[in-house]
Amino acid sequence: LPPKGLQYLVLLSHAHSRECSLVPGLRGPGGQDGGLVWECSA
């Protein structure tokens, strides 16, 4: 089943870590969907 809530954040972070060695940090609120935006230094 598609993950929900916090499980989805874990999935997004994991997917990022498989392609980029840099750890994303919380940039703050402001996503177009009203969520929190996470960004790595790349």
Full PDB file with SEQRES, HELIX, SHEET, SSBOND, CRYST1, ORIGX, SCALE, CONECT and MASTER records, all heavy atoms in Angstrom:
SEQRES   1 A   42  LEU PRO PRO LYS GLY LEU GLN TYR LEU VAL LEU LEU SER          
SEQRES   2 A   42  HIS ALA HIS SER ARG GLU CYS SER LEU VAL PRO GLY LEU          
SEQRES   3 A   42  ARG GLY PRO GLY GLY GLN ASP GLY GLY LEU VAL TRP GLU          
SEQRES   4 A   42  CYS SER ALA                                                  
HELIX    1 AA1 LEU A    6  GLU A   19  1                                  14    
SHEET    1 AA1 2 GLY A  25  PRO A  29  0                                        
SHEET    2 AA1 2 LEU A  36  GLU A  39 -1                                        
CRYST1    1.000    1.000    1.000  90.00  90.00  90.00 P 1           1          
ORIGX1      1.000000  0.000000  0.000000        0.00000                         
ORIGX2      0.000000  1.000000  0.000000        0.00000                         
ORIGX3      0.000000  0.000000  1.000000        0.00000                         
SCALE1      1.000000  0.000000  0.000000        0.00000                         
SCALE2      0.000000  1.000000  0.000000        0.00000                         
SCALE3      0.000000  0.000000  1.000000        0.00000                         
ATOM      1  N   LEU A   1       0.842  -1.185   0.000  1.00  0.00           N  
ATOM      2  CA  LEU A   1       0.000   0.000   0.000  1.00  0.00           C  
ATOM      3  C   LEU A   1       0.875   1.232   0.000  1.00  0.00           C  
ATOM      4  O   LEU A   1       1.967   1.224   0.559  1.00  0.00           O  
ATOM      5  CB  LEU A   1      -0.886   0.021   1.247  1.00  0.00           C  
ATOM      6  CG  LEU A   1      -1.874  -1.126   1.387  1.00  0.00           C  
ATOM      7  CD1 LEU A   1      -2.532  -1.077   2.756  1.00  0.00           C  
ATOM      8  CD2 LEU A   1      -2.927  -1.065   0.295  1.00  0.00           C  
ATOM      9  N   PRO A   2       0.430   2.326  -0.622  1.00  0.00           N  
ATOM     10  CA  PRO A   2       1.249   3.540  -0.577  1.00  0.00           C  
ATOM     11  C   PRO A   2       1.387   4.017   0.864  1.00  0.00           C  
ATOM     12  O   PRO A   2       0.422   3.996   1.620  1.00  0.00           O  
ATOM     13  CB  PRO A   2       0.473   4.550  -1.423  1.00  0.00           C  
ATOM     14  CG  PRO A   2      -0.864   3.974  -1.656  1.00  0.00           C  
ATOM     15  CD  PRO A   2      -0.808   2.514  -1.358  1.00  0.00           C  
ATOM     16  N   PRO A   3       2.599   4.409   1.250  1.00  0.00           N  
ATOM     17  CA  PRO A   3       2.808   4.872   2.624  1.00  0.00           C  
ATOM     18  C   PRO A   3       2.061   6.180   2.876  1.00  0.00           C  
ATOM     19  O   PRO A   3       1.815   6.953   1.952  1.00  0.00           O  
ATOM     20  CB  PRO A   3       4.319   5.068   2.706  1.00  0.00           C  
ATOM     21  CG  PRO A   3       4.767   5.212   1.308  1.00  0.00           C  
ATOM     22  CD  PRO A   3       3.790   4.467   0.447  1.00  0.00           C  
ATOM     23  N   LYS A   4       1.723   6.420   4.130  1.00  0.00           N  
ATOM     24  CA  LYS A   4       1.006   7.636   4.487  1.00  0.00           C  
ATOM     25  C   LYS A   4       1.774   8.376   5.561  1.00  0.00           C  
ATOM     26  O   LYS A   4       2.526   7.786   6.323  1.00  0.00           O  
ATOM     27  CB  LYS A   4      -0.386   7.291   5.009  1.00  0.00           C  
ATOM     28  CG  LYS A   4      -1.272   6.644   3.981  1.00  0.00           C  
ATOM     29  CD  LYS A   4      -2.607   6.301   4.576  1.00  0.00           C  
ATOM     30  CE  LYS A   4      -3.441   5.573   3.536  1.00  0.00           C  
ATOM     31  NZ  LYS A   4      -4.648   5.017   4.104  1.00  0.00           N  
ATOM     32  N   GLY A   5       1.546   9.653   5.640  1.00  0.00           N  
ATOM     33  CA  GLY A   5       2.108  10.468   6.709  1.00  0.00           C  
ATOM     34  C   GLY A   5       3.613  10.366   6.829  1.00  0.00           C  
ATOM     35  O   GLY A   5       4.357  10.548   5.867  1.00  0.00           O  
ATOM     36  N   LEU A   6       4.049  10.045   8.024  1.00  0.00           N  
ATOM     37  CA  LEU A   6       5.473   9.984   8.335  1.00  0.00           C  
ATOM     38  C   LEU A   6       6.189   8.903   7.537  1.00  0.00           C  
ATOM     39  O   LEU A   6       7.350   9.055   7.165  1.00  0.00           O  
ATOM     40  CB  LEU A   6       5.655   9.752   9.831  1.00  0.00           C  
ATOM     41  CG  LEU A   6       7.060   9.849  10.375  1.00  0.00           C  
ATOM     42  CD1 LEU A   6       7.684  11.191  10.026  1.00  0.00           C  
ATOM     43  CD2 LEU A   6       7.057   9.657  11.872  1.00  0.00           C  
ATOM     44  N   GLN A   7       5.503   7.805   7.238  1.00  0.00           N  
ATOM     45  CA  GLN A   7       6.106   6.745   6.427  1.00  0.00           C  
ATOM     46  C   GLN A   7       6.528   7.294   5.060  1.00  0.00           C  
ATOM     47  O   GLN A   7       7.542   6.891   4.515  1.00  0.00           O  
ATOM     48  CB  GLN A   7       5.129   5.599   6.216  1.00  0.00           C  
ATOM     49  CG  GLN A   7       4.815   4.831   7.462  1.00  0.00           C  
ATOM     50  CD  GLN A   7       3.724   3.797   7.219  1.00  0.00           C  
ATOM     51  OE1 GLN A   7       2.920   3.940   6.309  1.00  0.00           O  
ATOM     52  NE2 GLN A   7       3.712   2.769   8.033  1.00  0.00           N  
ATOM     53  N   TYR A   8       5.744   8.215   4.541  1.00  0.00           N  
ATOM     54  CA  TYR A   8       6.075   8.789   3.236  1.00  0.00           C  
ATOM     55  C   TYR A   8       7.329   9.654   3.308  1.00  0.00           C  
ATOM     56  O   TYR A   8       8.155   9.641   2.399  1.00  0.00           O  
ATOM     57  CB  TYR A   8       4.900   9.588   2.690  1.00  0.00           C  
ATOM     58  CG  TYR A   8       5.124  10.037   1.266  1.00  0.00           C  
ATOM     59  CD1 TYR A   8       5.401   9.111   0.264  1.00  0.00           C  
ATOM     60  CD2 TYR A   8       5.084  11.371   0.928  1.00  0.00           C  
ATOM     61  CE1 TYR A   8       5.627   9.521  -1.039  1.00  0.00           C  
ATOM     62  CE2 TYR A   8       5.300  11.783  -0.373  1.00  0.00           C  
ATOM     63  CZ  TYR A   8       5.576  10.854  -1.351  1.00  0.00           C  
ATOM     64  OH  TYR A   8       5.803  11.247  -2.634  1.00  0.00           O  
ATOM     65  N   LEU A   9       7.510  10.391   4.412  1.00  0.00           N  
ATOM     66  CA  LEU A   9       8.732  11.170   4.590  1.00  0.00           C  
ATOM     67  C   LEU A   9       9.947  10.246   4.632  1.00  0.00           C  
ATOM     68  O   LEU A   9      10.974  10.528   4.023  1.00  0.00           O  
ATOM     69  CB  LEU A   9       8.665  12.006   5.867  1.00  0.00           C  
ATOM     70  CG  LEU A   9       9.947  12.754   6.234  1.00  0.00           C  
ATOM     71  CD1 LEU A   9      10.337  13.743   5.142  1.00  0.00           C  
ATOM     72  CD2 LEU A   9       9.772  13.462   7.555  1.00  0.00           C  
ATOM     73  N   VAL A  10       9.816   9.138   5.331  1.00  0.00           N  
ATOM     74  CA  VAL A  10      10.914   8.170   5.398  1.00  0.00           C  
ATOM     75  C   VAL A  10      11.219   7.639   4.008  1.00  0.00           C  
ATOM     76  O   VAL A  10      12.374   7.519   3.604  1.00  0.00           O  
ATOM     77  CB  VAL A  10      10.566   7.019   6.380  1.00  0.00           C  
ATOM     78  CG1 VAL A  10      11.607   5.915   6.317  1.00  0.00           C  
ATOM     79  CG2 VAL A  10      10.435   7.556   7.792  1.00  0.00           C  
ATOM     80  N   LEU A  11      10.189   7.338   3.232  1.00  0.00           N  
ATOM     81  CA  LEU A  11      10.370   6.851   1.869  1.00  0.00           C  
ATOM     82  C   LEU A  11      11.065   7.889   0.985  1.00  0.00           C  
ATOM     83  O   LEU A  11      11.994   7.563   0.241  1.00  0.00           O  
ATOM     84  CB  LEU A  11       9.016   6.466   1.268  1.00  0.00           C  
ATOM     85  CG  LEU A  11       9.057   5.901  -0.142  1.00  0.00           C  
ATOM     86  CD1 LEU A  11       9.683   4.510  -0.131  1.00  0.00           C  
ATOM     87  CD2 LEU A  11       7.659   5.841  -0.729  1.00  0.00           C  
ATOM     88  N   LEU A  12      10.634   9.139   1.079  1.00  0.00           N  
ATOM     89  CA  LEU A  12      11.261  10.207   0.286  1.00  0.00           C  
ATOM     90  C   LEU A  12      12.729  10.389   0.661  1.00  0.00           C  
ATOM     91  O   LEU A  12      13.595  10.513  -0.207  1.00  0.00           O  
ATOM     92  CB  LEU A  12      10.513  11.529   0.501  1.00  0.00           C  
ATOM     93  CG  LEU A  12       9.135  11.640  -0.123  1.00  0.00           C  
ATOM     94  CD1 LEU A  12       8.443  12.914   0.358  1.00  0.00           C  
ATOM     95  CD2 LEU A  12       9.217  11.609  -1.638  1.00  0.00           C  
ATOM     96  N   SER A  13      13.005  10.397   1.949  1.00  0.00           N  
ATOM     97  CA  SER A  13      14.380  10.559   2.408  1.00  0.00           C  
ATOM     98  C   SER A  13      15.247   9.381   1.970  1.00  0.00           C  
ATOM     99  O   SER A  13      16.389   9.552   1.541  1.00  0.00           O  
ATOM    100  CB  SER A  13      14.393  10.698   3.933  1.00  0.00           C  
ATOM    101  OG  SER A  13      15.695  10.888   4.387  1.00  0.00           O  
ATOM    102  N   HIS A  14      14.683   8.195   2.063  1.00  0.00           N  
ATOM    103  CA  HIS A  14      15.416   7.003   1.645  1.00  0.00           C  
ATOM    104  C   HIS A  14      15.706   7.032   0.140  1.00  0.00           C  
ATOM    105  O   HIS A  14      16.826   6.737  -0.284  1.00  0.00           O  
ATOM    106  CB  HIS A  14      14.626   5.751   2.003  1.00  0.00           C  
ATOM    107  CG  HIS A  14      15.289   4.495   1.547  1.00  0.00           C  
ATOM    108  ND1 HIS A  14      16.414   3.998   2.157  1.00  0.00           N  
ATOM    109  CD2 HIS A  14      14.999   3.646   0.523  1.00  0.00           C  
ATOM    110  CE1 HIS A  14      16.793   2.894   1.526  1.00  0.00           C  
ATOM    111  NE2 HIS A  14      15.959   2.661   0.545  1.00  0.00           N  
ATOM    112  N   ALA A  15      14.700   7.391  -0.641  1.00  0.00           N  
ATOM    113  CA  ALA A  15      14.893   7.468  -2.098  1.00  0.00           C  
ATOM    114  C   ALA A  15      15.987   8.481  -2.428  1.00  0.00           C  
ATOM    115  O   ALA A  15      16.822   8.241  -3.310  1.00  0.00           O  
ATOM    116  CB  ALA A  15      13.583   7.850  -2.773  1.00  0.00           C  
ATOM    117  N   HIS A  16      16.007   9.588  -1.715  1.00  0.00           N  
ATOM    118  CA  HIS A  16      17.044  10.591  -1.947  1.00  0.00           C  
ATOM    119  C   HIS A  16      18.418  10.030  -1.602  1.00  0.00           C  
ATOM    120  O   HIS A  16      19.389  10.234  -2.338  1.00  0.00           O  
ATOM    121  CB  HIS A  16      16.762  11.848  -1.126  1.00  0.00           C  
ATOM    122  CG  HIS A  16      17.828  12.888  -1.261  1.00  0.00           C  
ATOM    123  ND1 HIS A  16      18.879  12.985  -0.378  1.00  0.00           N  
ATOM    124  CD2 HIS A  16      18.026  13.847  -2.188  1.00  0.00           C  
ATOM    125  CE1 HIS A  16      19.675  13.960  -0.752  1.00  0.00           C  
ATOM    126  NE2 HIS A  16      19.180  14.520  -1.854  1.00  0.00           N  
ATOM    127  N   SER A  17      18.518   9.295  -0.488  1.00  0.00           N  
ATOM    128  CA  SER A  17      19.820   8.784  -0.054  1.00  0.00           C  
ATOM    129  C   SER A  17      20.392   7.745  -1.007  1.00  0.00           C  
ATOM    130  O   SER A  17      21.599   7.539  -1.045  1.00  0.00           O  
ATOM    131  CB  SER A  17      19.715   8.186   1.349  1.00  0.00           C  
ATOM    132  OG  SER A  17      19.014   6.958   1.319  1.00  0.00           O  
ATOM    133  N   ARG A  18      19.542   7.104  -1.782  1.00  0.00           N  
ATOM    134  CA  ARG A  18      20.034   6.116  -2.741  1.00  0.00           C  
ATOM    135  C   ARG A  18      20.665   6.779  -3.963  1.00  0.00           C  
ATOM    136  O   ARG A  18      21.429   6.157  -4.677  1.00  0.00           O  
ATOM    137  CB  ARG A  18      18.902   5.194  -3.163  1.00  0.00           C  
ATOM    138  CG  ARG A  18      18.380   4.417  -1.940  1.00  0.00           C  
ATOM    139  CD  ARG A  18      17.591   3.269  -2.302  1.00  0.00           C  
ATOM    140  NE  ARG A  18      18.499   2.288  -2.904  1.00  0.00           N  
ATOM    141  CZ  ARG A  18      18.111   1.146  -3.399  1.00  0.00           C  
ATOM    142  NH1 ARG A  18      16.858   0.838  -3.382  1.00  0.00           N  
ATOM    143  NH2 ARG A  18      18.975   0.321  -3.934  1.00  0.00           N  
ATOM    144  N   GLU A  19      20.332   8.038  -4.215  1.00  0.00           N  
ATOM    145  CA  GLU A  19      20.858   8.744  -5.383  1.00  0.00           C  
ATOM    146  C   GLU A  19      21.859   9.841  -5.032  1.00  0.00           C  
ATOM    147  O   GLU A  19      22.610  10.286  -5.892  1.00  0.00           O  
ATOM    148  CB  GLU A  19      19.698   9.353  -6.168  1.00  0.00           C  
ATOM    149  CG  GLU A  19      18.760   8.297  -6.723  1.00  0.00           C  
ATOM    150  CD  GLU A  19      17.611   8.894  -7.494  1.00  0.00           C  
ATOM    151  OE1 GLU A  19      17.689  10.075  -7.864  1.00  0.00           O  
ATOM    152  OE2 GLU A  19      16.634   8.172  -7.732  1.00  0.00           O  
ATOM    153  N   CYS A  20      21.845  10.292  -3.771  1.00  0.00           N  
ATOM    154  CA  CYS A  20      22.706  11.405  -3.373  1.00  0.00           C  
ATOM    155  C   CYS A  20      23.233  11.133  -1.972  1.00  0.00           C  
ATOM    156  O   CYS A  20      22.467  10.745  -1.094  1.00  0.00           O  
ATOM    157  CB  CYS A  20      21.898  12.708  -3.399  1.00  0.00           C  
ATOM    158  SG  CYS A  20      22.815  14.170  -2.867  1.00  0.00           S  
ATOM    159  N   SER A  21      24.520  11.359  -1.759  1.00  0.00           N  
ATOM    160  CA  SER A  21      25.112  11.077  -0.446  1.00  0.00           C  
ATOM    161  C   SER A  21      24.889  12.210   0.557  1.00  0.00           C  
ATOM    162  O   SER A  21      25.211  12.061   1.730  1.00  0.00           O  
ATOM    163  CB  SER A  21      26.607  10.828  -0.596  1.00  0.00           C  
ATOM    164  OG  SER A  21      27.240  11.994  -1.087  1.00  0.00           O  
ATOM    165  N   LEU A  22      24.337  13.326   0.121  1.00  0.00           N  
ATOM    166  CA  LEU A  22      24.125  14.467   1.009  1.00  0.00           C  
ATOM    167  C   LEU A  22      22.794  14.330   1.739  1.00  0.00           C  
ATOM    168  O   LEU A  22      21.796  13.917   1.162  1.00  0.00           O  
ATOM    169  CB  LEU A  22      24.153  15.769   0.205  1.00  0.00           C  
ATOM    170  CG  LEU A  22      25.447  16.007  -0.573  1.00  0.00           C  
ATOM    171  CD1 LEU A  22      25.301  17.196  -1.502  1.00  0.00           C  
ATOM    172  CD2 LEU A  22      26.605  16.216   0.385  1.00  0.00           C  
ATOM    173  N   VAL A  23      22.797  14.681   3.007  1.00  0.00           N  
ATOM    174  CA  VAL A  23      21.599  14.545   3.832  1.00  0.00           C  
ATOM    175  C   VAL A  23      20.716  15.777   3.654  1.00  0.00           C  
ATOM    176  O   VAL A  23      21.182  16.902   3.848  1.00  0.00           O  
ATOM    177  CB  VAL A  23      21.979  14.387   5.320  1.00  0.00           C  
ATOM    178  CG1 VAL A  23      20.746  14.301   6.187  1.00  0.00           C  
ATOM    179  CG2 VAL A  23      22.868  13.172   5.510  1.00  0.00           C  
ATOM    180  N   PRO A  24      19.444  15.573   3.302  1.00  0.00           N  
ATOM    181  CA  PRO A  24      18.560  16.734   3.171  1.00  0.00           C  
ATOM    182  C   PRO A  24      18.186  17.286   4.537  1.00  0.00           C  
ATOM    183  O   PRO A  24      18.052  16.547   5.506  1.00  0.00           O  
ATOM    184  CB  PRO A  24      17.330  16.165   2.456  1.00  0.00           C  
ATOM    185  CG  PRO A  24      17.344  14.715   2.744  1.00  0.00           C  
ATOM    186  CD  PRO A  24      18.770  14.333   2.954  1.00  0.00           C  
ATOM    187  N   GLY A  25      18.046  18.584   4.593  1.00  0.00           N  
ATOM    188  CA  GLY A  25      17.631  19.248   5.828  1.00  0.00           C  
ATOM    189  C   GLY A  25      16.328  19.976   5.605  1.00  0.00           C  
ATOM    190  O   GLY A  25      15.939  20.255   4.465  1.00  0.00           O  
ATOM    191  N   LEU A  26      15.675  20.279   6.680  1.00  0.00           N  
ATOM    192  CA  LEU A  26      14.402  20.992   6.597  1.00  0.00           C  
ATOM    193  C   LEU A  26      14.672  22.441   6.212  1.00  0.00           C  
ATOM    194  O   LEU A  26      15.364  23.166   6.916  1.00  0.00           O  
ATOM    195  CB  LEU A  26      13.683  20.921   7.947  1.00  0.00           C  
ATOM    196  CG  LEU A  26      12.332  21.595   8.018  1.00  0.00           C  
ATOM    197  CD1 LEU A  26      11.349  20.942   7.050  1.00  0.00           C  
ATOM    198  CD2 LEU A  26      11.796  21.512   9.438  1.00  0.00           C  
ATOM    199  N   ARG A  27      14.155  22.845   5.055  1.00  0.00           N  
ATOM    200  CA  ARG A  27      14.300  24.231   4.614  1.00  0.00           C  
ATOM    201  C   ARG A  27      13.198  25.080   5.215  1.00  0.00           C  
ATOM    202  O   ARG A  27      13.385  26.252   5.473  1.00  0.00           O  
ATOM    203  CB  ARG A  27      14.272  24.316   3.096  1.00  0.00           C  
ATOM    204  CG  ARG A  27      14.575  25.714   2.577  1.00  0.00           C  
ATOM    205  CD  ARG A  27      14.788  25.754   1.108  1.00  0.00           C  
ATOM    206  NE  ARG A  27      13.528  25.537   0.417  1.00  0.00           N  
ATOM    207  CZ  ARG A  27      13.414  25.370  -0.891  1.00  0.00           C  
ATOM    208  NH1 ARG A  27      14.491  25.361  -1.646  1.00  0.00           N  
ATOM    209  NH2 ARG A  27      12.251  25.176  -1.455  1.00  0.00           N  
ATOM    210  N   GLY A  28      12.043  24.483   5.435  1.00  0.00           N  
ATOM    211  CA  GLY A  28      10.936  25.201   6.062  1.00  0.00           C  
ATOM    212  C   GLY A  28       9.644  24.970   5.322  1.00  0.00           C  
ATOM    213  O   GLY A  28       9.584  24.225   4.348  1.00  0.00           O  
ATOM    214  N   PRO A  29       8.586  25.624   5.767  1.00  0.00           N  
ATOM    215  CA  PRO A  29       7.314  25.467   5.073  1.00  0.00           C  
ATOM    216  C   PRO A  29       7.361  26.176   3.732  1.00  0.00           C  
ATOM    217  O   PRO A  29       8.207  27.027   3.507  1.00  0.00           O  
ATOM    218  CB  PRO A  29       6.314  26.133   6.015  1.00  0.00           C  
ATOM    219  CG  PRO A  29       7.110  27.048   6.865  1.00  0.00           C  
ATOM    220  CD  PRO A  29       8.507  26.490   6.924  1.00  0.00           C  
ATOM    221  N   GLY A  30       6.475  25.797   2.835  1.00  0.00           N  
ATOM    222  CA  GLY A  30       6.425  26.541   1.586  1.00  0.00           C  
ATOM    223  C   GLY A  30       6.263  25.711   0.347  1.00  0.00           C  
ATOM    224  O   GLY A  30       6.345  26.232  -0.754  1.00  0.00           O  
ATOM    225  N   GLY A  31       6.047  24.423   0.471  1.00  0.00           N  
ATOM    226  CA  GLY A  31       5.780  23.625  -0.720  1.00  0.00           C  
ATOM    227  C   GLY A  31       4.459  24.048  -1.326  1.00  0.00           C  
ATOM    228  O   GLY A  31       3.579  24.555  -0.636  1.00  0.00           O  
ATOM    229  N   GLN A  32       4.309  23.851  -2.628  1.00  0.00           N  
ATOM    230  CA  GLN A  32       3.065  24.255  -3.274  1.00  0.00           C  
ATOM    231  C   GLN A  32       1.871  23.493  -2.714  1.00  0.00           C  
ATOM    232  O   GLN A  32       0.747  23.952  -2.786  1.00  0.00           O  
ATOM    233  CB  GLN A  32       3.139  24.114  -4.804  1.00  0.00           C  
ATOM    234  CG  GLN A  32       3.512  22.729  -5.298  1.00  0.00           C  
ATOM    235  CD  GLN A  32       5.000  22.577  -5.536  1.00  0.00           C  
ATOM    236  OE1 GLN A  32       5.816  22.931  -4.701  1.00  0.00           O  
ATOM    237  NE2 GLN A  32       5.356  22.037  -6.680  1.00  0.00           N  
ATOM    238  N   ASP A  33       2.116  22.346  -2.119  1.00  0.00           N  
ATOM    239  CA  ASP A  33       1.040  21.551  -1.536  1.00  0.00           C  
ATOM    240  C   ASP A  33       0.858  21.852  -0.047  1.00  0.00           C  
ATOM    241  O   ASP A  33       0.098  21.170   0.631  1.00  0.00           O  
ATOM    242  CB  ASP A  33       1.310  20.064  -1.745  1.00  0.00           C  
ATOM    243  CG  ASP A  33       2.731  19.681  -1.360  1.00  0.00           C  
ATOM    244  OD1 ASP A  33       3.413  20.503  -0.711  1.00  0.00           O  
ATOM    245  OD2 ASP A  33       3.159  18.574  -1.703  1.00  0.00           O  
ATOM    246  N   GLY A  34       1.545  22.862   0.466  1.00  0.00           N  
ATOM    247  CA  GLY A  34       1.399  23.247   1.859  1.00  0.00           C  
ATOM    248  C   GLY A  34       2.279  22.461   2.817  1.00  0.00           C  
ATOM    249  O   GLY A  34       2.175  22.614   4.016  1.00  0.00           O  
ATOM    250  N   GLY A  35       3.158  21.623   2.295  1.00  0.00           N  
ATOM    251  CA  GLY A  35       4.011  20.801   3.150  1.00  0.00           C  
ATOM    252  C   GLY A  35       5.309  21.489   3.490  1.00  0.00           C  
ATOM    253  O   GLY A  35       5.530  22.663   3.178  1.00  0.00           O  
ATOM    254  N   LEU A  36       6.176  20.741   4.137  1.00  0.00           N  
ATOM    255  CA  LEU A  36       7.511  21.208   4.474  1.00  0.00           C  
ATOM    256  C   LEU A  36       8.448  20.882   3.316  1.00  0.00           C  
ATOM    257  O   LEU A  36       8.330  19.828   2.704  1.00  0.00           O  
ATOM    258  CB  LEU A  36       8.011  20.506   5.731  1.00  0.00           C  
ATOM    259  CG  LEU A  36       7.202  20.748   6.990  1.00  0.00           C  
ATOM    260  CD1 LEU A  36       7.653  19.800   8.093  1.00  0.00           C  
ATOM    261  CD2 LEU A  36       7.338  22.174   7.443  1.00  0.00           C  
ATOM    262  N   VAL A  37       9.371  21.773   3.048  1.00  0.00           N  
ATOM    263  CA  VAL A  37      10.320  21.561   1.964  1.00  0.00           C  
ATOM    264  C   VAL A  37      11.648  21.098   2.553  1.00  0.00           C  
ATOM    265  O   VAL A  37      12.182  21.713   3.468  1.00  0.00           O  
ATOM    266  CB  VAL A  37      10.524  22.850   1.133  1.00  0.00           C  
ATOM    267  CG1 VAL A  37      11.572  22.635   0.059  1.00  0.00           C  
ATOM    268  CG2 VAL A  37       9.207  23.292   0.523  1.00  0.00           C  
ATOM    269  N   TRP A  38      12.153  19.992   2.036  1.00  0.00           N  
ATOM    270  CA  TRP A  38      13.432  19.424   2.438  1.00  0.00           C  
ATOM    271  C   TRP A  38      14.404  19.625   1.288  1.00  0.00           C  
ATOM    272  O   TRP A  38      14.029  19.475   0.120  1.00  0.00           O  
ATOM    273  CB  TRP A  38      13.270  17.939   2.731  1.00  0.00           C  
ATOM    274  CG  TRP A  38      12.358  17.679   3.880  1.00  0.00           C  
ATOM    275  CD1 TRP A  38      11.000  17.747   3.871  1.00  0.00           C  
ATOM    276  CD2 TRP A  38      12.728  17.366   5.211  1.00  0.00           C  
ATOM    277  NE1 TRP A  38      10.510  17.473   5.106  1.00  0.00           N  
ATOM    278  CE2 TRP A  38      11.542  17.228   5.956  1.00  0.00           C  
ATOM    279  CE3 TRP A  38      13.939  17.165   5.836  1.00  0.00           C  
ATOM    280  CZ2 TRP A  38      11.549  16.911   7.294  1.00  0.00           C  
ATOM    281  CZ3 TRP A  38      13.946  16.840   7.179  1.00  0.00           C  
ATOM    282  CH2 TRP A  38      12.764  16.719   7.892  1.00  0.00           C  
ATOM    283  N   GLU A  39      15.664  19.972   1.602  1.00  0.00           N  
ATOM    284  CA  GLU A  39      16.647  20.231   0.556  1.00  0.00           C  
ATOM    285  C   GLU A  39      18.035  19.828   1.038  1.00  0.00           C  
ATOM    286  O   GLU A  39      18.393  20.054   2.190  1.00  0.00           O  
ATOM    287  CB  GLU A  39      16.631  21.715   0.196  1.00  0.00           C  
ATOM    288  CG  GLU A  39      17.610  22.090  -0.882  1.00  0.00           C  
ATOM    289  CD  GLU A  39      17.517  23.561  -1.264  1.00  0.00           C  
ATOM    290  OE1 GLU A  39      16.978  24.362  -0.485  1.00  0.00           O  
ATOM    291  OE2 GLU A  39      17.990  23.899  -2.354  1.00  0.00           O  
ATOM    292  N   CYS A  40      18.802  19.216   0.139  1.00  0.00           N  
ATOM    293  CA  CYS A  40      20.198  18.925   0.464  1.00  0.00           C  
ATOM    294  C   CYS A  40      21.058  20.039  -0.125  1.00  0.00           C  
ATOM    295  O   CYS A  40      20.579  20.868  -0.894  1.00  0.00           O  
ATOM    296  CB  CYS A  40      20.613  17.548  -0.072  1.00  0.00           C  
ATOM    297  SG  CYS A  40      20.850  17.466  -1.849  1.00  0.00           S  
ATOM    298  N   SER A  41      22.339  20.041   0.211  1.00  0.00           N  
ATOM    299  CA  SER A  41      23.207  21.126  -0.259  1.00  0.00           C  
ATOM    300  C   SER A  41      23.471  21.051  -1.760  1.00  0.00           C  
ATOM    301  O   SER A  41      23.980  22.002  -2.344  1.00  0.00           O  
ATOM    302  CB  SER A  41      24.516  21.154   0.525  1.00  0.00           C  
ATOM    303  OG  SER A  41      25.153  19.903   0.464  1.00  0.00           O  
ATOM    304  N   ALA A  42      23.110  19.947  -2.410  1.00  0.00           N  
ATOM    305  CA  ALA A  42      23.246  19.852  -3.863  1.00  0.00           C  
ATOM    306  C   ALA A  42      22.033  20.453  -4.574  1.00  0.00           C  
ATOM    307  O   ALA A  42      22.005  20.528  -5.790  1.00  0.00           O  
ATOM    308  CB  ALA A  42      23.410  18.394  -4.284  1.00  0.00           C  
TER     309      ALA A  42                                                      
MASTER        0    0    0    1    2    0    0    6  308    1    0    4          
END                                                                             
